[in-house]
Amino acid sequence: MDERYFNFSLADTNKQLREVNELAAKKVVEFQDFSSKVERVVEYNEILLCTIAGLIAENERLKNALKLIESKSELPEKPVDLVPITELFEINLHAKKALK
């Protein structure tokens, strides 16, 4: 073999090792920063999922309340002036309960 391929100086080798170590240290810091950002995104997604679940539950509650109000609000087939005040009061009472 040609000897010029193995003619490394100790100073060159040490310099290359320092450069590799510096690059490795830089990459470790970059990875740690990236990992931290990923953890924050995961936490944020968990918060969003809980919020969405809460909104879905609230939406279902409101839909059920609306159905209850509609069912209790059906007026008889007579003029509104002839509906007893007690029936109107009961409709209002059910609406208030349903919206709690």
PDB file of N, CA and C in Angstrom:
ATOM      1  N   MET A   1       0.837  -1.185   0.000  1.00  0.00           N
ATOM      2  CA  MET A   1       0.000   0.000   0.000  1.00  0.00           C
ATOM      3  C   MET A   1       0.873   1.236   0.000  1.00  0.00           C
ATOM      4  N   ASP A   2       0.275   2.272  -0.483  1.00  0.00           N
ATOM      5  CA  ASP A   2       0.971   3.549  -0.510  1.00  0.00           C
ATOM      6  C   ASP A   2       0.959   4.149   0.891  1.00  0.00           C
ATOM      7  N   GLU A   3       2.075   4.591   1.386  1.00  0.00           N
ATOM      8  CA  GLU A   3       2.194   5.077   2.765  1.00  0.00           C
ATOM      9  C   GLU A   3       1.551   6.440   2.973  1.00  0.00           C
ATOM     10  N   ARG A   4       1.242   7.191   1.948  1.00  0.00           N
ATOM     11  CA  ARG A   4       0.674   8.526   2.142  1.00  0.00           C
ATOM     12  C   ARG A   4      -0.740   8.462   2.740  1.00  0.00           C
ATOM     13  N   TYR A   5      -1.448   7.343   2.597  1.00  0.00           N
ATOM     14  CA  TYR A   5      -2.786   7.223   3.174  1.00  0.00           C
ATOM     15  C   TYR A   5      -2.747   7.091   4.690  1.00  0.00           C
ATOM     16  N   PHE A   6      -1.646   6.663   5.240  1.00  0.00           N
ATOM     17  CA  PHE A   6      -1.527   6.444   6.679  1.00  0.00           C
ATOM     18  C   PHE A   6      -0.635   7.467   7.339  1.00  0.00           C
ATOM     19  N   ASN A   7      -0.417   8.551   6.696  1.00  0.00           N
ATOM     20  CA  ASN A   7       0.490   9.567   7.211  1.00  0.00           C
ATOM     21  C   ASN A   7      -0.317  10.650   7.930  1.00  0.00           C
ATOM     22  N   PHE A   8      -0.967  10.260   9.032  1.00  0.00           N
ATOM     23  CA  PHE A   8      -1.729  11.219   9.825  1.00  0.00           C
ATOM     24  C   PHE A   8      -0.861  11.708  10.966  1.00  0.00           C
ATOM     25  N   SER A   9      -1.004  12.978  11.269  1.00  0.00           N
ATOM     26  CA  SER A   9      -0.282  13.477  12.435  1.00  0.00           C
ATOM     27  C   SER A   9      -1.217  13.388  13.636  1.00  0.00           C
ATOM     28  N   LEU A  10      -0.680  13.289  14.786  1.00  0.00           N
ATOM     29  CA  LEU A  10      -1.446  13.227  16.025  1.00  0.00           C
ATOM     30  C   LEU A  10      -2.241  14.518  16.218  1.00  0.00           C
ATOM     31  N   ALA A  11      -1.681  15.636  15.828  1.00  0.00           N
ATOM     32  CA  ALA A  11      -2.376  16.924  15.956  1.00  0.00           C
ATOM     33  C   ALA A  11      -3.606  16.962  15.056  1.00  0.00           C
ATOM     34  N   ASP A  12      -3.482  16.446  13.828  1.00  0.00           N
ATOM     35  CA  ASP A  12      -4.640  16.407  12.921  1.00  0.00           C
ATOM     36  C   ASP A  12      -5.735  15.507  13.473  1.00  0.00           C
ATOM     37  N   THR A  13      -5.340  14.378  13.991  1.00  0.00           N
ATOM     38  CA  THR A  13      -6.312  13.437  14.556  1.00  0.00           C
ATOM     39  C   THR A  13      -7.019  14.048  15.754  1.00  0.00           C
ATOM     40  N   ASN A  14      -6.276  14.698  16.631  1.00  0.00           N
ATOM     41  CA  ASN A  14      -6.879  15.347  17.797  1.00  0.00           C
ATOM     42  C   ASN A  14      -7.814  16.470  17.378  1.00  0.00           C
ATOM     43  N   LYS A  15      -7.428  17.213  16.354  1.00  0.00           N
ATOM     44  CA  LYS A  15      -8.267  18.296  15.860  1.00  0.00           C
ATOM     45  C   LYS A  15      -9.581  17.728  15.315  1.00  0.00           C
ATOM     46  N   GLN A  16      -9.482  16.646  14.556  1.00  0.00           N
ATOM     47  CA  GLN A  16     -10.689  16.030  14.000  1.00  0.00           C
ATOM     48  C   GLN A  16     -11.582  15.470  15.115  1.00  0.00           C
ATOM     49  N   LEU A  17     -10.973  14.888  16.132  1.00  0.00           N
ATOM     50  CA  LEU A  17     -11.754  14.372  17.259  1.00  0.00           C
ATOM     51  C   LEU A  17     -12.472  15.499  18.001  1.00  0.00           C
ATOM     52  N   ARG A  18     -11.806  16.629  18.197  1.00  0.00           N
ATOM     53  CA  ARG A  18     -12.430  17.790  18.846  1.00  0.00           C
ATOM     54  C   ARG A  18     -13.619  18.285  18.011  1.00  0.00           C
ATOM     55  N   GLU A  19     -13.426  18.346  16.695  1.00  0.00           N
ATOM     56  CA  GLU A  19     -14.502  18.799  15.819  1.00  0.00           C
ATOM     57  C   GLU A  19     -15.701  17.853  15.880  1.00  0.00           C
ATOM     58  N   VAL A  20     -15.418  16.551  15.900  1.00  0.00           N
ATOM     59  CA  VAL A  20     -16.489  15.560  15.997  1.00  0.00           C
ATOM     60  C   VAL A  20     -17.192  15.691  17.345  1.00  0.00           C
ATOM     61  N   ASN A  21     -16.440  15.867  18.421  1.00  0.00           N
ATOM     62  CA  ASN A  21     -17.041  16.019  19.753  1.00  0.00           C
ATOM     63  C   ASN A  21     -17.884  17.294  19.843  1.00  0.00           C
ATOM     64  N   GLU A  22     -17.397  18.374  19.260  1.00  0.00           N
ATOM     65  CA  GLU A  22     -18.158  19.634  19.261  1.00  0.00           C
ATOM     66  C   GLU A  22     -19.456  19.473  18.474  1.00  0.00           C
ATOM     67  N   LEU A  23     -19.357  18.828  17.320  1.00  0.00           N
ATOM     68  CA  LEU A  23     -20.550  18.595  16.513  1.00  0.00           C
ATOM     69  C   LEU A  23     -21.536  17.703  17.257  1.00  0.00           C
ATOM     70  N   ALA A  24     -21.026  16.662  17.907  1.00  0.00           N
ATOM     71  CA  ALA A  24     -21.893  15.757  18.669  1.00  0.00           C
ATOM     72  C   ALA A  24     -22.572  16.508  19.810  1.00  0.00           C
ATOM     73  N   ALA A  25     -21.830  17.354  20.511  1.00  0.00           N
ATOM     74  CA  ALA A  25     -22.417  18.137  21.605  1.00  0.00           C
ATOM     75  C   ALA A  25     -23.498  19.070  21.079  1.00  0.00           C
ATOM     76  N   LYS A  26     -23.256  19.690  19.942  1.00  0.00           N
ATOM     77  CA  LYS A  26     -24.236  20.592  19.326  1.00  0.00           C
ATOM     78  C   LYS A  26     -25.497  19.811  18.951  1.00  0.00           C
ATOM     79  N   LYS A  27     -25.317  18.632  18.372  1.00  0.00           N
ATOM     80  CA  LYS A  27     -26.465  17.815  17.970  1.00  0.00           C
ATOM     81  C   LYS A  27     -27.266  17.337  19.184  1.00  0.00           C
ATOM     82  N   VAL A  28     -26.589  17.043  20.281  1.00  0.00           N
ATOM     83  CA  VAL A  28     -27.283  16.632  21.504  1.00  0.00           C
ATOM     84  C   VAL A  28     -28.157  17.781  22.008  1.00  0.00           C
ATOM     85  N   VAL A  29     -27.628  18.988  22.015  1.00  0.00           N
ATOM     86  CA  VAL A  29     -28.401  20.159  22.446  1.00  0.00           C
ATOM     87  C   VAL A  29     -29.599  20.371  21.519  1.00  0.00           C
ATOM     88  N   GLU A  30     -29.385  20.255  20.221  1.00  0.00           N
ATOM     89  CA  GLU A  30     -30.483  20.414  19.264  1.00  0.00           C
ATOM     90  C   GLU A  30     -31.554  19.351  19.488  1.00  0.00           C
ATOM     91  N   PHE A  31     -31.122  18.110  19.752  1.00  0.00           N
ATOM     92  CA  PHE A  31     -32.084  17.036  19.992  1.00  0.00           C
ATOM     93  C   PHE A  31     -32.880  17.289  21.267  1.00  0.00           C
ATOM     94  N   GLN A  32     -32.196  17.742  22.319  1.00  0.00           N
ATOM     95  CA  GLN A  32     -32.878  18.030  23.576  1.00  0.00           C
ATOM     96  C   GLN A  32     -33.914  19.142  23.380  1.00  0.00           C
ATOM     97  N   ASP A  33     -33.557  20.165  22.612  1.00  0.00           N
ATOM     98  CA  ASP A  33     -34.493  21.255  22.324  1.00  0.00           C
ATOM     99  C   ASP A  33     -35.694  20.731  21.544  1.00  0.00           C
ATOM    100  N   PHE A  34     -35.420  19.913  20.537  1.00  0.00           N
ATOM    101  CA  PHE A  34     -36.497  19.319  19.736  1.00  0.00           C
ATOM    102  C   PHE A  34     -37.392  18.439  20.602  1.00  0.00           C
ATOM    103  N   SER A  35     -36.783  17.630  21.455  1.00  0.00           N
ATOM    104  CA  SER A  35     -37.529  16.735  22.336  1.00  0.00           C
ATOM    105  C   SER A  35     -38.431  17.540  23.277  1.00  0.00           C
ATOM    106  N   SER A  36     -37.921  18.631  23.780  1.00  0.00           N
ATOM    107  CA  SER A  36     -38.707  19.505  24.655  1.00  0.00           C
ATOM    108  C   SER A  36     -39.912  20.075  23.913  1.00  0.00           C
ATOM    109  N   LYS A  37     -39.695  20.480  22.668  1.00  0.00           N
ATOM    110  CA  LYS A  37     -40.799  21.015  21.859  1.00  0.00           C
ATOM    111  C   LYS A  37     -41.844  19.941  21.588  1.00  0.00           C
ATOM    112  N   VAL A  38     -41.406  18.731  21.321  1.00  0.00           N
ATOM    113  CA  VAL A  38     -42.341  17.629  21.076  1.00  0.00           C
ATOM    114  C   VAL A  38     -43.180  17.368  22.328  1.00  0.00           C
ATOM    115  N   GLU A  39     -42.542  17.391  23.502  1.00  0.00           N
ATOM    116  CA  GLU A  39     -43.271  17.182  24.754  1.00  0.00           C
ATOM    117  C   GLU A  39     -44.332  18.257  24.954  1.00  0.00           C
ATOM    118  N   ARG A  40     -44.005  19.499  24.628  1.00  0.00           N
ATOM    119  CA  ARG A  40     -44.983  20.595  24.763  1.00  0.00           C
ATOM    120  C   ARG A  40     -46.147  20.396  23.799  1.00  0.00           C
ATOM    121  N   VAL A  41     -45.865  19.944  22.586  1.00  0.00           N
ATOM    122  CA  VAL A  41     -46.928  19.701  21.606  1.00  0.00           C
ATOM    123  C   VAL A  41     -47.832  18.572  22.095  1.00  0.00           C
ATOM    124  N   VAL A  42     -47.256  17.529  22.651  1.00  0.00           N
ATOM    125  CA  VAL A  42     -48.044  16.408  23.168  1.00  0.00           C
ATOM    126  C   VAL A  42     -48.945  16.891  24.307  1.00  0.00           C
ATOM    127  N   GLU A  43     -48.398  17.689  25.223  1.00  0.00           N
ATOM    128  CA  GLU A  43     -49.193  18.227  26.326  1.00  0.00           C
ATOM    129  C   GLU A  43     -50.334  19.097  25.790  1.00  0.00           C
ATOM    130  N   TYR A  44     -50.024  19.932  24.806  1.00  0.00           N
ATOM    131  CA  TYR A  44     -51.035  20.806  24.214  1.00  0.00           C
ATOM    132  C   TYR A  44     -52.137  19.987  23.552  1.00  0.00           C
ATOM    133  N   ASN A  45     -51.757  18.917  22.865  1.00  0.00           N
ATOM    134  CA  ASN A  45     -52.744  18.040  22.218  1.00  0.00           C
ATOM    135  C   ASN A  45     -53.642  17.369  23.247  1.00  0.00           C
ATOM    136  N   GLU A  46     -53.066  16.964  24.380  1.00  0.00           N
ATOM    137  CA  GLU A  46     -53.862  16.347  25.439  1.00  0.00           C
ATOM    138  C   GLU A  46     -54.885  17.349  25.981  1.00  0.00           C
ATOM    139  N   ILE A  47     -54.464  18.600  26.152  1.00  0.00           N
ATOM    140  CA  ILE A  47     -55.372  19.647  26.617  1.00  0.00           C
ATOM    141  C   ILE A  47     -56.488  19.854  25.591  1.00  0.00           C
ATOM    142  N   LEU A  48     -56.118  19.889  24.315  1.00  0.00           N
ATOM    143  CA  LEU A  48     -57.122  20.071  23.259  1.00  0.00           C
ATOM    144  C   LEU A  48     -58.124  18.921  23.241  1.00  0.00           C
ATOM    145  N   LEU A  49     -57.630  17.695  23.405  1.00  0.00           N
ATOM    146  CA  LEU A  49     -58.540  16.540  23.406  1.00  0.00           C
ATOM    147  C   LEU A  49     -59.526  16.617  24.562  1.00  0.00           C
ATOM    148  N   CYS A  50     -59.045  17.018  25.734  1.00  0.00           N
ATOM    149  CA  CYS A  50     -59.936  17.169  26.889  1.00  0.00           C
ATOM    150  C   CYS A  50     -60.952  18.281  26.644  1.00  0.00           C
ATOM    151  N   THR A  51     -60.499  19.368  26.046  1.00  0.00           N
ATOM    152  CA  THR A  51     -61.392  20.486  25.748  1.00  0.00           C
ATOM    153  C   THR A  51     -62.457  20.065  24.752  1.00  0.00           C
ATOM    154  N   ILE A  52     -62.050  19.344  23.721  1.00  0.00           N
ATOM    155  CA  ILE A  52     -63.010  18.870  22.716  1.00  0.00           C
ATOM    156  C   ILE A  52     -64.029  17.928  23.362  1.00  0.00           C
ATOM    157  N   ALA A  53     -63.554  17.024  24.217  1.00  0.00           N
ATOM    158  CA  ALA A  53     -64.469  16.105  24.896  1.00  0.00           C
ATOM    159  C   ALA A  53     -65.465  16.883  25.748  1.00  0.00           C
ATOM    160  N   GLY A  54     -64.987  17.910  26.433  1.00  0.00           N
ATOM    161  CA  GLY A  54     -65.874  18.748  27.236  1.00  0.00           C
ATOM    162  C   GLY A  54     -66.900  19.477  26.380  1.00  0.00           C
ATOM    163  N   LEU A  55     -66.457  19.979  25.235  1.00  0.00           N
ATOM    164  CA  LEU A  55     -67.378  20.677  24.335  1.00  0.00           C
ATOM    165  C   LEU A  55     -68.429  19.734  23.762  1.00  0.00           C
ATOM    166  N   ILE A  56     -68.011  18.517  23.435  1.00  0.00           N
ATOM    167  CA  ILE A  56     -68.969  17.529  22.918  1.00  0.00           C
ATOM    168  C   ILE A  56     -70.009  17.205  23.994  1.00  0.00           C
ATOM    169  N   ALA A  57     -69.546  17.018  25.234  1.00  0.00           N
ATOM    170  CA  ALA A  57     -70.474  16.717  26.330  1.00  0.00           C
ATOM    171  C   ALA A  57     -71.438  17.889  26.552  1.00  0.00           C
ATOM    172  N   GLU A  58     -70.928  19.096  26.531  1.00  0.00           N
ATOM    173  CA  GLU A  58     -71.778  20.275  26.708  1.00  0.00           C
ATOM    174  C   GLU A  58     -72.782  20.399  25.569  1.00  0.00           C
ATOM    175  N   ASN A  59     -72.333  20.101  24.350  1.00  0.00           N
ATOM    176  CA  ASN A  59     -73.227  20.146  23.203  1.00  0.00           C
ATOM    177  C   ASN A  59     -74.360  19.133  23.363  1.00  0.00           C
ATOM    178  N   GLU A  60     -74.026  17.937  23.814  1.00  0.00           N
ATOM    179  CA  GLU A  60     -75.057  16.911  24.029  1.00  0.00           C
ATOM    180  C   GLU A  60     -76.029  17.349  25.123  1.00  0.00           C
ATOM    181  N   ARG A  61     -75.510  17.938  26.180  1.00  0.00           N
ATOM    182  CA  ARG A  61     -76.367  18.413  27.266  1.00  0.00           C
ATOM    183  C   ARG A  61     -77.334  19.479  26.753  1.00  0.00           C
ATOM    184  N   LEU A  62     -76.817  20.401  25.945  1.00  0.00           N
ATOM    185  CA  LEU A  62     -77.664  21.462  25.405  1.00  0.00           C
ATOM    186  C   LEU A  62     -78.701  20.914  24.421  1.00  0.00           C
ATOM    187  N   LYS A  63     -78.303  19.915  23.630  1.00  0.00           N
ATOM    188  CA  LYS A  63     -79.274  19.310  22.705  1.00  0.00           C
ATOM    189  C   LYS A  63     -80.396  18.635  23.484  1.00  0.00           C
ATOM    190  N   ASN A  64     -80.028  17.933  24.560  1.00  0.00           N
ATOM    191  CA  ASN A  64     -81.051  17.284  25.390  1.00  0.00           C
ATOM    192  C   ASN A  64     -81.943  18.325  26.063  1.00  0.00           C
ATOM    193  N   ALA A  65     -81.341  19.422  26.512  1.00  0.00           N
ATOM    194  CA  ALA A  65     -82.128  20.495  27.126  1.00  0.00           C
ATOM    195  C   ALA A  65     -83.098  21.084  26.115  1.00  0.00           C
ATOM    196  N   LEU A  66     -82.627  21.281  24.901  1.00  0.00           N
ATOM    197  CA  LEU A  66     -83.487  21.836  23.856  1.00  0.00           C
ATOM    198  C   LEU A  66     -84.646  20.886  23.548  1.00  0.00           C
ATOM    199  N   LYS A  67     -84.357  19.587  23.490  1.00  0.00           N
ATOM    200  CA  LYS A  67     -85.427  18.613  23.250  1.00  0.00           C
ATOM    201  C   LYS A  67     -86.456  18.658  24.374  1.00  0.00           C
ATOM    202  N   LEU A  68     -85.975  18.767  25.619  1.00  0.00           N
ATOM    203  CA  LEU A  68     -86.888  18.831  26.757  1.00  0.00           C
ATOM    204  C   LEU A  68     -87.741  20.094  26.685  1.00  0.00           C
ATOM    205  N   ILE A  69     -87.109  21.206  26.387  1.00  0.00           N
ATOM    206  CA  ILE A  69     -87.851  22.471  26.271  1.00  0.00           C
ATOM    207  C   ILE A  69     -88.892  22.368  25.160  1.00  0.00           C
ATOM    208  N   GLU A  70     -88.486  21.806  24.031  1.00  0.00           N
ATOM    209  CA  GLU A  70     -89.429  21.675  22.916  1.00  0.00           C
ATOM    210  C   GLU A  70     -90.601  20.770  23.281  1.00  0.00           C
ATOM    211  N   SER A  71     -90.291  19.662  23.971  1.00  0.00           N
ATOM    212  CA  SER A  71     -91.381  18.737  24.318  1.00  0.00           C
ATOM    213  C   SER A  71     -92.321  19.353  25.347  1.00  0.00           C
ATOM    214  N   LYS A  72     -91.785  20.121  26.280  1.00  0.00           N
ATOM    215  CA  LYS A  72     -92.615  20.746  27.309  1.00  0.00           C
ATOM    216  C   LYS A  72     -93.286  22.018  26.803  1.00  0.00           C
ATOM    217  N   SER A  73     -92.835  22.525  25.669  1.00  0.00           N
ATOM    218  CA  SER A  73     -93.360  23.786  25.161  1.00  0.00           C
ATOM    219  C   SER A  73     -94.454  23.605  24.123  1.00  0.00           C
ATOM    220  N   GLU A  74     -94.799  22.386  23.819  1.00  0.00           N
ATOM    221  CA  GLU A  74     -95.845  22.170  22.826  1.00  0.00           C
ATOM    222  C   GLU A  74     -97.169  22.668  23.384  1.00  0.00           C
ATOM    223  N   LEU A  75     -97.701  23.634  22.711  1.00  0.00           N
ATOM    224  CA  LEU A  75     -98.965  24.234  23.157  1.00  0.00           C
ATOM    225  C   LEU A  75    -100.132  23.498  22.524  1.00  0.00           C
ATOM    226  N   PRO A  76    -101.213  23.483  23.205  1.00  0.00           N
ATOM    227  CA  PRO A  76    -102.401  22.845  22.622  1.00  0.00           C
ATOM    228  C   PRO A  76    -102.861  23.598  21.385  1.00  0.00           C
ATOM    229  N   GLU A  77    -103.682  22.935  20.618  1.00  0.00           N
ATOM    230  CA  GLU A  77    -104.176  23.509  19.371  1.00  0.00           C
ATOM    231  C   GLU A  77    -105.291  24.526  19.641  1.00  0.00           C
ATOM    232  N   LYS A  78    -105.004  25.467  20.493  1.00  0.00           N
ATOM    233  CA  LYS A  78    -105.980  26.514  20.764  1.00  0.00           C
ATOM    234  C   LYS A  78    -105.253  27.850  20.773  1.00  0.00           C
ATOM    235  N   PRO A  79    -105.949  28.921  20.652  1.00  0.00           N
ATOM    236  CA  PRO A  79    -105.293  30.231  20.642  1.00  0.00           C
ATOM    237  C   PRO A  79    -104.462  30.448  21.904  1.00  0.00           C
ATOM    238  N   VAL A  80    -103.357  31.132  21.733  1.00  0.00           N
ATOM    239  CA  VAL A  80    -102.427  31.362  22.846  1.00  0.00           C
ATOM    240  C   VAL A  80    -103.110  32.108  23.986  1.00  0.00           C
ATOM    241  N   ASP A  81    -104.028  32.971  23.654  1.00  0.00           N
ATOM    242  CA  ASP A  81    -104.725  33.730  24.694  1.00  0.00           C
ATOM    243  C   ASP A  81    -105.516  32.822  25.625  1.00  0.00           C
ATOM    244  N   LEU A  82    -105.857  31.625  25.151  1.00  0.00           N
ATOM    245  CA  LEU A  82    -106.656  30.713  25.961  1.00  0.00           C
ATOM    246  C   LEU A  82    -105.815  29.721  26.768  1.00  0.00           C
ATOM    247  N   VAL A  83    -104.460  29.766  26.587  1.00  0.00           N
ATOM    248  CA  VAL A  83    -103.572  28.862  27.332  1.00  0.00           C
ATOM    249  C   VAL A  83    -103.487  29.371  28.768  1.00  0.00           C
ATOM    250  N   PRO A  84    -103.765  28.517  29.713  1.00  0.00           N
ATOM    251  CA  PRO A  84    -103.706  28.960  31.111  1.00  0.00           C
ATOM    252  C   PRO A  84    -102.288  29.416  31.484  1.00  0.00           C
ATOM    253  N   ILE A  85    -102.216  30.397  32.334  1.00  0.00           N
ATOM    254  CA  ILE A  85    -100.930  30.945  32.780  1.00  0.00           C
ATOM    255  C   ILE A  85    -100.102  29.879  33.482  1.00  0.00           C
ATOM    256  N   THR A  86    -100.777  28.919  34.114  1.00  0.00           N
ATOM    257  CA  THR A  86    -100.033  27.854  34.798  1.00  0.00           C
ATOM    258  C   THR A  86     -99.246  26.999  33.814  1.00  0.00           C
ATOM    259  N   GLU A  87     -99.819  26.774  32.624  1.00  0.00           N
ATOM    260  CA  GLU A  87     -99.091  26.008  31.605  1.00  0.00           C
ATOM    261  C   GLU A  87     -97.880  26.794  31.109  1.00  0.00           C
ATOM    262  N   LEU A  88     -98.061  28.089  30.914  1.00  0.00           N
ATOM    263  CA  LEU A  88     -96.930  28.921  30.479  1.00  0.00           C
ATOM    264  C   LEU A  88     -95.844  28.964  31.557  1.00  0.00           C
ATOM    265  N   PHE A  89     -96.276  29.039  32.817  1.00  0.00           N
ATOM    266  CA  PHE A  89     -95.314  29.030  33.921  1.00  0.00           C
ATOM    267  C   PHE A  89     -94.556  27.703  33.952  1.00  0.00           C
ATOM    268  N   GLU A  90     -95.271  26.590  33.730  1.00  0.00           N
ATOM    269  CA  GLU A  90     -94.635  25.268  33.727  1.00  0.00           C
ATOM    270  C   GLU A  90     -93.620  25.152  32.585  1.00  0.00           C
ATOM    271  N   ILE A  91     -93.960  25.675  31.418  1.00  0.00           N
ATOM    272  CA  ILE A  91     -93.030  25.665  30.282  1.00  0.00           C
ATOM    273  C   ILE A  91     -91.768  26.429  30.640  1.00  0.00           C
ATOM    274  N   ASN A  92     -91.931  27.603  31.232  1.00  0.00           N
ATOM    275  CA  ASN A  92     -90.788  28.427  31.639  1.00  0.00           C
ATOM    276  C   ASN A  92     -89.950  27.731  32.690  1.00  0.00           C
ATOM    277  N   LEU A  93     -90.617  27.065  33.650  1.00  0.00           N
ATOM    278  CA  LEU A  93     -89.915  26.342  34.701  1.00  0.00           C
ATOM    279  C   LEU A  93     -89.066  25.208  34.123  1.00  0.00           C
ATOM    280  N   HIS A  94     -89.639  24.444  33.198  1.00  0.00           N
ATOM    281  CA  HIS A  94     -88.895  23.351  32.578  1.00  0.00           C
ATOM    282  C   HIS A  94     -87.710  23.892  31.763  1.00  0.00           C
ATOM    283  N   ALA A  95     -87.905  25.005  31.099  1.00  0.00           N
ATOM    284  CA  ALA A  95     -86.814  25.602  30.320  1.00  0.00           C
ATOM    285  C   ALA A  95     -85.674  25.999  31.231  1.00  0.00           C
ATOM    286  N   LYS A  96     -85.993  26.597  32.368  1.00  0.00           N
ATOM    287  CA  LYS A  96     -84.942  27.005  33.320  1.00  0.00           C
ATOM    288  C   LYS A  96     -84.195  25.789  33.866  1.00  0.00           C
ATOM    289  N   LYS A  97     -84.945  24.741  34.227  1.00  0.00           N
ATOM    290  CA  LYS A  97     -84.299  23.531  34.746  1.00  0.00           C
ATOM    291  C   LYS A  97     -83.384  22.893  33.701  1.00  0.00           C
ATOM    292  N   ALA A  98     -83.849  22.865  32.483  1.00  0.00           N
ATOM    293  CA  ALA A  98     -83.080  22.205  31.412  1.00  0.00           C
ATOM    294  C   ALA A  98     -81.789  22.954  31.117  1.00  0.00           C
ATOM    295  N   LEU A  99     -81.783  24.256  31.329  1.00  0.00           N
ATOM    296  CA  LEU A  99     -80.596  25.038  30.990  1.00  0.00           C
ATOM    297  C   LEU A  99     -79.599  25.142  32.133  1.00  0.00           C
ATOM    298  N   LYS A 100     -79.906  24.530  33.273  1.00  0.00           N
ATOM    299  CA  LYS A 100     -78.959  24.576  34.406  1.00  0.00           C
ATOM    300  C   LYS A 100     -77.804  23.650  34.164  1.00  0.00           C
TER     301      LYS A 100
END
